[in-house]
Amino acid sequence: MTMLVLAFAITAAQVMLGLAMGCAAWRIFQGPRAQDRVLGLDTLYVSTMLLLLTFGIQTGRTLYFEAALIIAVLGSVGTIALAKFLMRGEVIE
């Protein structure tokens, strides 16, 4: 019974994360300002990371957890670089 509930919860989470990724992609393409596009990109990489984590829980493979960690690190560095670029107009001082 508990395995069935866990499988249903993981599937429901994956569907909702897929919808969140679709909304983030819409914000990236339709955002009127660059700040909206950066926010959509942040949401997209966080949703992708969480989707990989749910795949890892579902399958039990550690490859998904490592990929999620790489996405989290690169996404945060990319966000910092984009924010610095939008604030100052240059990334490297």
PDB file of N, CA and C in Angstrom:
ATOM      1  N   MET A   1       0.816  -1.190   0.000  1.00  0.00           N
ATOM      2  CA  MET A   1       0.000   0.000   0.000  1.00  0.00           C
ATOM      3  C   MET A   1       0.870   1.269   0.000  1.00  0.00           C
ATOM      4  N   THR A   2       1.906   1.284   0.833  1.00  0.00           N
ATOM      5  CA  THR A   2       2.735   2.491   0.897  1.00  0.00           C
ATOM      6  C   THR A   2       3.546   2.679  -0.386  1.00  0.00           C
ATOM      7  N   MET A   3       3.949   1.588  -1.029  1.00  0.00           N
ATOM      8  CA  MET A   3       4.678   1.712  -2.296  1.00  0.00           C
ATOM      9  C   MET A   3       3.774   2.272  -3.386  1.00  0.00           C
ATOM     10  N   LEU A   4       2.516   1.918  -3.350  1.00  0.00           N
ATOM     11  CA  LEU A   4       1.559   2.437  -4.326  1.00  0.00           C
ATOM     12  C   LEU A   4       1.350   3.935  -4.118  1.00  0.00           C
ATOM     13  N   VAL A   5       1.248   4.350  -2.867  1.00  0.00           N
ATOM     14  CA  VAL A   5       1.082   5.775  -2.566  1.00  0.00           C
ATOM     15  C   VAL A   5       2.333   6.550  -2.982  1.00  0.00           C
ATOM     16  N   LEU A   6       3.519   5.982  -2.714  1.00  0.00           N
ATOM     17  CA  LEU A   6       4.759   6.635  -3.112  1.00  0.00           C
ATOM     18  C   LEU A   6       4.857   6.759  -4.627  1.00  0.00           C
ATOM     19  N   ALA A   7       4.503   5.715  -5.340  1.00  0.00           N
ATOM     20  CA  ALA A   7       4.546   5.758  -6.802  1.00  0.00           C
ATOM     21  C   ALA A   7       3.567   6.799  -7.342  1.00  0.00           C
ATOM     22  N   PHE A   8       2.381   6.873  -6.756  1.00  0.00           N
ATOM     23  CA  PHE A   8       1.399   7.873  -7.194  1.00  0.00           C
ATOM     24  C   PHE A   8       1.892   9.283  -6.896  1.00  0.00           C
ATOM     25  N   ALA A   9       2.501   9.491  -5.718  1.00  0.00           N
ATOM     26  CA  ALA A   9       2.989  10.824  -5.342  1.00  0.00           C
ATOM     27  C   ALA A   9       4.133  11.259  -6.256  1.00  0.00           C
ATOM     28  N   ILE A  10       5.024  10.332  -6.588  1.00  0.00           N
ATOM     29  CA  ILE A  10       6.140  10.679  -7.473  1.00  0.00           C
ATOM     30  C   ILE A  10       5.636  11.009  -8.867  1.00  0.00           C
ATOM     31  N   THR A  11       4.677  10.237  -9.358  1.00  0.00           N
ATOM     32  CA  THR A  11       4.114  10.517 -10.678  1.00  0.00           C
ATOM     33  C   THR A  11       3.392  11.859 -10.701  1.00  0.00           C
ATOM     34  N   ALA A  12       2.640  12.146  -9.645  1.00  0.00           N
ATOM     35  CA  ALA A  12       1.943  13.436  -9.566  1.00  0.00           C
ATOM     36  C   ALA A  12       2.941  14.587  -9.506  1.00  0.00           C
ATOM     37  N   ALA A  13       4.030  14.402  -8.762  1.00  0.00           N
ATOM     38  CA  ALA A  13       5.058  15.446  -8.677  1.00  0.00           C
ATOM     39  C   ALA A  13       5.723  15.661 -10.031  1.00  0.00           C
ATOM     40  N   GLN A  14       5.965  14.587 -10.767  1.00  0.00           N
ATOM     41  CA  GLN A  14       6.587  14.719 -12.082  1.00  0.00           C
ATOM     42  C   GLN A  14       5.673  15.458 -13.057  1.00  0.00           C
ATOM     43  N   VAL A  15       4.385  15.183 -12.990  1.00  0.00           N
ATOM     44  CA  VAL A  15       3.440  15.886 -13.867  1.00  0.00           C
ATOM     45  C   VAL A  15       3.399  17.368 -13.526  1.00  0.00           C
ATOM     46  N   MET A  16       3.356  17.690 -12.230  1.00  0.00           N
ATOM     47  CA  MET A  16       3.311  19.097 -11.830  1.00  0.00           C
ATOM     48  C   MET A  16       4.613  19.820 -12.163  1.00  0.00           C
ATOM     49  N   LEU A  17       5.731  19.137 -12.022  1.00  0.00           N
ATOM     50  CA  LEU A  17       7.000  19.755 -12.398  1.00  0.00           C
ATOM     51  C   LEU A  17       7.086  19.972 -13.908  1.00  0.00           C
ATOM     52  N   GLY A  18       6.520  19.063 -14.681  1.00  0.00           N
ATOM     53  CA  GLY A  18       6.455  19.257 -16.125  1.00  0.00           C
ATOM     54  C   GLY A  18       5.624  20.481 -16.485  1.00  0.00           C
ATOM     55  N   LEU A  19       4.506  20.670 -15.785  1.00  0.00           N
ATOM     56  CA  LEU A  19       3.688  21.872 -16.012  1.00  0.00           C
ATOM     57  C   LEU A  19       4.436  23.139 -15.603  1.00  0.00           C
ATOM     58  N   ALA A  20       5.176  23.064 -14.504  1.00  0.00           N
ATOM     59  CA  ALA A  20       5.965  24.220 -14.071  1.00  0.00           C
ATOM     60  C   ALA A  20       7.047  24.555 -15.093  1.00  0.00           C
ATOM     61  N   MET A  21       7.638  23.533 -15.691  1.00  0.00           N
ATOM     62  CA  MET A  21       8.648  23.772 -16.720  1.00  0.00           C
ATOM     63  C   MET A  21       8.026  24.409 -17.954  1.00  0.00           C
ATOM     64  N   GLY A  22       6.817  23.993 -18.293  1.00  0.00           N
ATOM     65  CA  GLY A  22       6.113  24.612 -19.416  1.00  0.00           C
ATOM     66  C   GLY A  22       5.802  26.073 -19.154  1.00  0.00           C
ATOM     67  N   CYS A  23       5.369  26.394 -17.932  1.00  0.00           N
ATOM     68  CA  CYS A  23       5.098  27.790 -17.577  1.00  0.00           C
ATOM     69  C   CYS A  23       6.369  28.627 -17.576  1.00  0.00           C
ATOM     70  N   ALA A  24       7.473  28.036 -17.109  1.00  0.00           N
ATOM     71  CA  ALA A  24       8.748  28.760 -17.113  1.00  0.00           C
ATOM     72  C   ALA A  24       9.223  29.002 -18.539  1.00  0.00           C
ATOM     73  N   ALA A  25       9.054  28.025 -19.410  1.00  0.00           N
ATOM     74  CA  ALA A  25       9.442  28.210 -20.817  1.00  0.00           C
ATOM     75  C   ALA A  25       8.594  29.293 -21.466  1.00  0.00           C
ATOM     76  N   TRP A  26       7.324  29.341 -21.116  1.00  0.00           N
ATOM     77  CA  TRP A  26       6.454  30.395 -21.649  1.00  0.00           C
ATOM     78  C   TRP A  26       6.941  31.769 -21.180  1.00  0.00           C
ATOM     79  N   ARG A  27       7.372  31.862 -19.909  1.00  0.00           N
ATOM     80  CA  ARG A  27       7.869  33.135 -19.386  1.00  0.00           C
ATOM     81  C   ARG A  27       9.172  33.540 -20.072  1.00  0.00           C
ATOM     82  N   ILE A  28      10.007  32.555 -20.408  1.00  0.00           N
ATOM     83  CA  ILE A  28      11.259  32.867 -21.092  1.00  0.00           C
ATOM     84  C   ILE A  28      10.972  33.443 -22.479  1.00  0.00           C
ATOM     85  N   PHE A  29      10.047  32.851 -23.198  1.00  0.00           N
ATOM     86  CA  PHE A  29       9.776  33.298 -24.564  1.00  0.00           C
ATOM     87  C   PHE A  29       8.885  34.528 -24.628  1.00  0.00           C
ATOM     88  N   GLN A  30       7.991  34.719 -23.654  1.00  0.00           N
ATOM     89  CA  GLN A  30       7.040  35.820 -23.708  1.00  0.00           C
ATOM     90  C   GLN A  30       7.348  36.958 -22.734  1.00  0.00           C
ATOM     91  N   GLY A  31       8.421  36.812 -21.956  1.00  0.00           N
ATOM     92  CA  GLY A  31       8.731  37.841 -20.967  1.00  0.00           C
ATOM     93  C   GLY A  31       9.011  39.186 -21.608  1.00  0.00           C
ATOM     94  N   PRO A  32       8.374  40.253 -21.137  1.00  0.00           N
ATOM     95  CA  PRO A  32       8.615  41.551 -21.771  1.00  0.00           C
ATOM     96  C   PRO A  32       9.986  42.133 -21.437  1.00  0.00           C
ATOM     97  N   ARG A  33      10.557  41.764 -20.283  1.00  0.00           N
ATOM     98  CA  ARG A  33      11.848  42.329 -19.894  1.00  0.00           C
ATOM     99  C   ARG A  33      12.873  41.215 -19.691  1.00  0.00           C
ATOM    100  N   ALA A  34      14.116  41.598 -19.636  1.00  0.00           N
ATOM    101  CA  ALA A  34      15.192  40.624 -19.423  1.00  0.00           C
ATOM    102  C   ALA A  34      15.101  40.008 -18.025  1.00  0.00           C
ATOM    103  N   GLN A  35      14.651  40.778 -17.045  1.00  0.00           N
ATOM    104  CA  GLN A  35      14.516  40.242 -15.697  1.00  0.00           C
ATOM    105  C   GLN A  35      13.484  39.118 -15.639  1.00  0.00           C
ATOM    106  N   ASP A  36      12.410  39.245 -16.413  1.00  0.00           N
ATOM    107  CA  ASP A  36      11.408  38.186 -16.477  1.00  0.00           C
ATOM    108  C   ASP A  36      11.989  36.923 -17.099  1.00  0.00           C
ATOM    109  N   ARG A  37      12.816  37.094 -18.095  1.00  0.00           N
ATOM    110  CA  ARG A  37      13.439  35.937 -18.740  1.00  0.00           C
ATOM    111  C   ARG A  37      14.434  35.247 -17.818  1.00  0.00           C
ATOM    112  N   VAL A  38      15.180  36.012 -17.032  1.00  0.00           N
ATOM    113  CA  VAL A  38      16.117  35.418 -16.076  1.00  0.00           C
ATOM    114  C   VAL A  38      15.349  34.665 -14.992  1.00  0.00           C
ATOM    115  N   LEU A  39      14.254  35.227 -14.527  1.00  0.00           N
ATOM    116  CA  LEU A  39      13.428  34.551 -13.535  1.00  0.00           C
ATOM    117  C   LEU A  39      12.833  33.265 -14.090  1.00  0.00           C
ATOM    118  N   GLY A  40      12.408  33.288 -15.350  1.00  0.00           N
ATOM    119  CA  GLY A  40      11.915  32.072 -15.997  1.00  0.00           C
ATOM    120  C   GLY A  40      13.000  31.029 -16.139  1.00  0.00           C
ATOM    121  N   LEU A  41      14.216  31.466 -16.436  1.00  0.00           N
ATOM    122  CA  LEU A  41      15.337  30.535 -16.543  1.00  0.00           C
ATOM    123  C   LEU A  41      15.668  29.921 -15.192  1.00  0.00           C
ATOM    124  N   ASP A  42      15.610  30.713 -14.130  1.00  0.00           N
ATOM    125  CA  ASP A  42      15.824  30.176 -12.784  1.00  0.00           C
ATOM    126  C   ASP A  42      14.790  29.116 -12.444  1.00  0.00           C
ATOM    127  N   THR A  43      13.547  29.421 -12.729  1.00  0.00           N
ATOM    128  CA  THR A  43      12.478  28.463 -12.455  1.00  0.00           C
ATOM    129  C   THR A  43      12.652  27.199 -13.286  1.00  0.00           C
ATOM    130  N   LEU A  44      13.098  27.353 -14.515  1.00  0.00           N
ATOM    131  CA  LEU A  44      13.292  26.196 -15.389  1.00  0.00           C
ATOM    132  C   LEU A  44      14.403  25.286 -14.874  1.00  0.00           C
ATOM    133  N   TYR A  45      15.513  25.847 -14.452  1.00  0.00           N
ATOM    134  CA  TYR A  45      16.578  24.962 -13.998  1.00  0.00           C
ATOM    135  C   TYR A  45      16.264  24.333 -12.648  1.00  0.00           C
ATOM    136  N   VAL A  46      15.547  25.036 -11.774  1.00  0.00           N
ATOM    137  CA  VAL A  46      15.148  24.427 -10.498  1.00  0.00           C
ATOM    138  C   VAL A  46      14.136  23.303 -10.742  1.00  0.00           C
ATOM    139  N   SER A  47      13.201  23.528 -11.642  1.00  0.00           N
ATOM    140  CA  SER A  47      12.224  22.482 -11.958  1.00  0.00           C
ATOM    141  C   SER A  47      12.893  21.276 -12.605  1.00  0.00           C
ATOM    142  N   THR A  48      13.858  21.519 -13.461  1.00  0.00           N
ATOM    143  CA  THR A  48      14.591  20.420 -14.087  1.00  0.00           C
ATOM    144  C   THR A  48      15.361  19.629 -13.047  1.00  0.00           C
ATOM    145  N   MET A  49      15.984  20.330 -12.120  1.00  0.00           N
ATOM    146  CA  MET A  49      16.723  19.661 -11.058  1.00  0.00           C
ATOM    147  C   MET A  49      15.794  18.791 -10.209  1.00  0.00           C
ATOM    148  N   LEU A  50      14.640  19.321  -9.852  1.00  0.00           N
ATOM    149  CA  LEU A  50      13.695  18.561  -9.045  1.00  0.00           C
ATOM    150  C   LEU A  50      13.105  17.382  -9.822  1.00  0.00           C
ATOM    151  N   LEU A  51      12.912  17.558 -11.114  1.00  0.00           N
ATOM    152  CA  LEU A  51      12.420  16.450 -11.928  1.00  0.00           C
ATOM    153  C   LEU A  51      13.446  15.327 -11.983  1.00  0.00           C
ATOM    154  N   LEU A  52      14.710  15.677 -12.112  1.00  0.00           N
ATOM    155  CA  LEU A  52      15.761  14.660 -12.079  1.00  0.00           C
ATOM    156  C   LEU A  52      15.815  13.960 -10.726  1.00  0.00           C
ATOM    157  N   LEU A  53      15.586  14.698  -9.650  1.00  0.00           N
ATOM    158  CA  LEU A  53      15.565  14.068  -8.330  1.00  0.00           C
ATOM    159  C   LEU A  53      14.413  13.086  -8.193  1.00  0.00           C
ATOM    160  N   THR A  54      13.250  13.438  -8.731  1.00  0.00           N
ATOM    161  CA  THR A  54      12.129  12.490  -8.668  1.00  0.00           C
ATOM    162  C   THR A  54      12.399  11.252  -9.527  1.00  0.00           C
ATOM    163  N   PHE A  55      13.064  11.427 -10.676  1.00  0.00           N
ATOM    164  CA  PHE A  55      13.460  10.259 -11.471  1.00  0.00           C
ATOM    165  C   PHE A  55      14.440   9.384 -10.699  1.00  0.00           C
ATOM    166  N   GLY A  56      15.352  10.012  -9.967  1.00  0.00           N
ATOM    167  CA  GLY A  56      16.300   9.260  -9.161  1.00  0.00           C
ATOM    168  C   GLY A  56      15.638   8.485  -8.042  1.00  0.00           C
ATOM    169  N   ILE A  57      14.650   9.082  -7.408  1.00  0.00           N
ATOM    170  CA  ILE A  57      13.906   8.381  -6.365  1.00  0.00           C
ATOM    171  C   ILE A  57      13.124   7.222  -6.963  1.00  0.00           C
ATOM    172  N   GLN A  58      12.542   7.448  -8.123  1.00  0.00           N
ATOM    173  CA  GLN A  58      11.718   6.426  -8.761  1.00  0.00           C
ATOM    174  C   GLN A  58      12.549   5.234  -9.227  1.00  0.00           C
ATOM    175  N   THR A  59      13.715   5.479  -9.806  1.00  0.00           N
ATOM    176  CA  THR A  59      14.510   4.389 -10.362  1.00  0.00           C
ATOM    177  C   THR A  59      15.568   3.865  -9.398  1.00  0.00           C
ATOM    178  N   GLY A  60      15.999   4.685  -8.456  1.00  0.00           N
ATOM    179  CA  GLY A  60      17.028   4.270  -7.519  1.00  0.00           C
ATOM    180  C   GLY A  60      18.441   4.404  -8.056  1.00  0.00           C
ATOM    181  N   ARG A  61      18.628   5.077  -9.167  1.00  0.00           N
ATOM    182  CA  ARG A  61      19.957   5.282  -9.740  1.00  0.00           C
ATOM    183  C   ARG A  61      20.565   6.574  -9.223  1.00  0.00           C
ATOM    184  N   THR A  62      21.870   6.530  -8.975  1.00  0.00           N
ATOM    185  CA  THR A  62      22.544   7.711  -8.451  1.00  0.00           C
ATOM    186  C   THR A  62      22.932   8.701  -9.543  1.00  0.00           C
ATOM    187  N   LEU A  63      22.862   8.291 -10.785  1.00  0.00           N
ATOM    188  CA  LEU A  63      23.223   9.175 -11.884  1.00  0.00           C
ATOM    189  C   LEU A  63      22.326  10.415 -11.917  1.00  0.00           C
ATOM    190  N   TYR A  64      21.057  10.237 -11.611  1.00  0.00           N
ATOM    191  CA  TYR A  64      20.123  11.361 -11.621  1.00  0.00           C
ATOM    192  C   TYR A  64      20.467  12.373 -10.523  1.00  0.00           C
ATOM    193  N   PHE A  65      20.905  11.893  -9.373  1.00  0.00           N
ATOM    194  CA  PHE A  65      21.265  12.797  -8.284  1.00  0.00           C
ATOM    195  C   PHE A  65      22.516  13.605  -8.626  1.00  0.00           C
ATOM    196  N   GLU A  66      23.476  12.971  -9.277  1.00  0.00           N
ATOM    197  CA  GLU A  66      24.688  13.685  -9.688  1.00  0.00           C
ATOM    198  C   GLU A  66      24.376  14.730 -10.754  1.00  0.00           C
ATOM    199  N   ALA A  67      23.512  14.384 -11.689  1.00  0.00           N
ATOM    200  CA  ALA A  67      23.126  15.345 -12.724  1.00  0.00           C
ATOM    201  C   ALA A  67      22.367  16.521 -12.112  1.00  0.00           C
ATOM    202  N   ALA A  68      21.524  16.253 -11.118  1.00  0.00           N
ATOM    203  CA  ALA A  68      20.794  17.331 -10.451  1.00  0.00           C
ATOM    204  C   ALA A  68      21.739  18.252  -9.703  1.00  0.00           C
ATOM    205  N   LEU A  69      22.787  17.699  -9.110  1.00  0.00           N
ATOM    206  CA  LEU A  69      23.766  18.515  -8.416  1.00  0.00           C
ATOM    207  C   LEU A  69      24.524  19.413  -9.396  1.00  0.00           C
ATOM    208  N   ILE A  70      24.892  18.880 -10.540  1.00  0.00           N
ATOM    209  CA  ILE A  70      25.586  19.676 -11.556  1.00  0.00           C
ATOM    210  C   ILE A  70      24.685  20.794 -12.072  1.00  0.00           C
ATOM    211  N   ILE A  71      23.420  20.486 -12.313  1.00  0.00           N
ATOM    212  CA  ILE A  71      22.482  21.514 -12.781  1.00  0.00           C
ATOM    213  C   ILE A  71      22.315  22.610 -11.729  1.00  0.00           C
ATOM    214  N   ALA A  72      22.252  22.236 -10.458  1.00  0.00           N
ATOM    215  CA  ALA A  72      22.097  23.234  -9.397  1.00  0.00           C
ATOM    216  C   ALA A  72      23.301  24.170  -9.329  1.00  0.00           C
ATOM    217  N   VAL A  73      24.497  23.612  -9.418  1.00  0.00           N
ATOM    218  CA  VAL A  73      25.707  24.439  -9.334  1.00  0.00           C
ATOM    219  C   VAL A  73      25.821  25.358 -10.550  1.00  0.00           C
ATOM    220  N   LEU A  74      25.670  24.792 -11.734  1.00  0.00           N
ATOM    221  CA  LEU A  74      25.789  25.608 -12.949  1.00  0.00           C
ATOM    222  C   LEU A  74      24.659  26.626 -13.066  1.00  0.00           C
ATOM    223  N   GLY A  75      23.477  26.263 -12.624  1.00  0.00           N
ATOM    224  CA  GLY A  75      22.361  27.198 -12.676  1.00  0.00           C
ATOM    225  C   GLY A  75      22.558  28.384 -11.753  1.00  0.00           C
ATOM    226  N   SER A  76      23.075  28.144 -10.550  1.00  0.00           N
ATOM    227  CA  SER A  76      23.289  29.256  -9.635  1.00  0.00           C
ATOM    228  C   SER A  76      24.416  30.171 -10.126  1.00  0.00           C
ATOM    229  N   VAL A  77      25.464  29.589 -10.694  1.00  0.00           N
ATOM    230  CA  VAL A  77      26.552  30.412 -11.251  1.00  0.00           C
ATOM    231  C   VAL A  77      26.042  31.221 -12.445  1.00  0.00           C
ATOM    232  N   GLY A  78      25.222  30.604 -13.272  1.00  0.00           N
ATOM    233  CA  GLY A  78      24.647  31.315 -14.410  1.00  0.00           C
ATOM    234  C   GLY A  78      23.732  32.440 -13.984  1.00  0.00           C
ATOM    235  N   THR A  79      22.964  32.226 -12.934  1.00  0.00           N
ATOM    236  CA  THR A  79      22.084  33.271 -12.429  1.00  0.00           C
ATOM    237  C   THR A  79      22.881  34.446 -11.891  1.00  0.00           C
ATOM    238  N   ILE A  80      23.949  34.155 -11.176  1.00  0.00           N
ATOM    239  CA  ILE A  80      24.792  35.233 -10.653  1.00  0.00           C
ATOM    240  C   ILE A  80      25.420  36.028 -11.799  1.00  0.00           C
ATOM    241  N   ALA A  81      25.896  35.323 -12.820  1.00  0.00           N
ATOM    242  CA  ALA A  81      26.502  36.013 -13.961  1.00  0.00           C
ATOM    243  C   ALA A  81      25.475  36.871 -14.699  1.00  0.00           C
ATOM    244  N   LEU A  82      24.278  36.346 -14.906  1.00  0.00           N
ATOM    245  CA  LEU A  82      23.240  37.134 -15.583  1.00  0.00           C
ATOM    246  C   LEU A  82      22.820  38.343 -14.762  1.00  0.00           C
ATOM    247  N   ALA A  83      22.699  38.170 -13.448  1.00  0.00           N
ATOM    248  CA  ALA A  83      22.323  39.299 -12.595  1.00  0.00           C
ATOM    249  C   ALA A  83      23.399  40.377 -12.617  1.00  0.00           C
ATOM    250  N   LYS A  84      24.649  39.950 -12.586  1.00  0.00           N
ATOM    251  CA  LYS A  84      25.746  40.921 -12.641  1.00  0.00           C
ATOM    252  C   LYS A  84      25.765  41.640 -13.984  1.00  0.00           C
ATOM    253  N   PHE A  85      25.488  40.907 -15.047  1.00  0.00           N
ATOM    254  CA  PHE A  85      25.444  41.526 -16.369  1.00  0.00           C
ATOM    255  C   PHE A  85      24.302  42.537 -16.479  1.00  0.00           C
ATOM    256  N   LEU A  86      23.138  42.194 -15.934  1.00  0.00           N
ATOM    257  CA  LEU A  86      22.007  43.116 -16.005  1.00  0.00           C
ATOM    258  C   LEU A  86      22.214  44.349 -15.132  1.00  0.00           C
ATOM    259  N   MET A  87      22.946  44.197 -14.024  1.00  0.00           N
ATOM    260  CA  MET A  87      23.170  45.338 -13.147  1.00  0.00           C
ATOM    261  C   MET A  87      24.241  46.279 -13.681  1.00  0.00           C
ATOM    262  N   ARG A  88      25.357  45.715 -14.191  1.00  0.00           N
ATOM    263  CA  ARG A  88      26.502  46.535 -14.565  1.00  0.00           C
ATOM    264  C   ARG A  88      26.782  46.598 -16.051  1.00  0.00           C
ATOM    265  N   GLY A  89      26.272  45.642 -16.803  1.00  0.00           N
ATOM    266  CA  GLY A  89      26.541  45.615 -18.229  1.00  0.00           C
ATOM    267  C   GLY A  89      27.774  44.839 -18.604  1.00  0.00           C
ATOM    268  N   GLU A  90      28.468  44.291 -17.602  1.00  0.00           N
ATOM    269  CA  GLU A  90      29.644  43.470 -17.857  1.00  0.00           C
ATOM    270  C   GLU A  90      29.721  42.396 -16.772  1.00  0.00           C
ATOM    271  N   VAL A  91      30.315  41.264 -17.130  1.00  0.00           N
ATOM    272  CA  VAL A  91      30.426  40.172 -16.187  1.00  0.00           C
ATOM    273  C   VAL A  91      31.790  40.187 -15.516  1.00  0.00           C
ATOM    274  N   ILE A  92      32.835  40.397 -16.298  1.00  0.00           N
ATOM    275  CA  ILE A  92      34.202  40.410 -15.774  1.00  0.00           C
ATOM    276  C   ILE A  92      34.649  41.854 -15.604  1.00  0.00           C
ATOM    277  N   GLU A  93      35.123  42.165 -14.418  1.00  0.00           N
ATOM    278  CA  GLU A  93      35.542  43.556 -14.153  1.00  0.00           C
ATOM    279  C   GLU A  93      36.974  43.775 -14.529  1.00  0.00           C
TER     280      GLU A  93
END
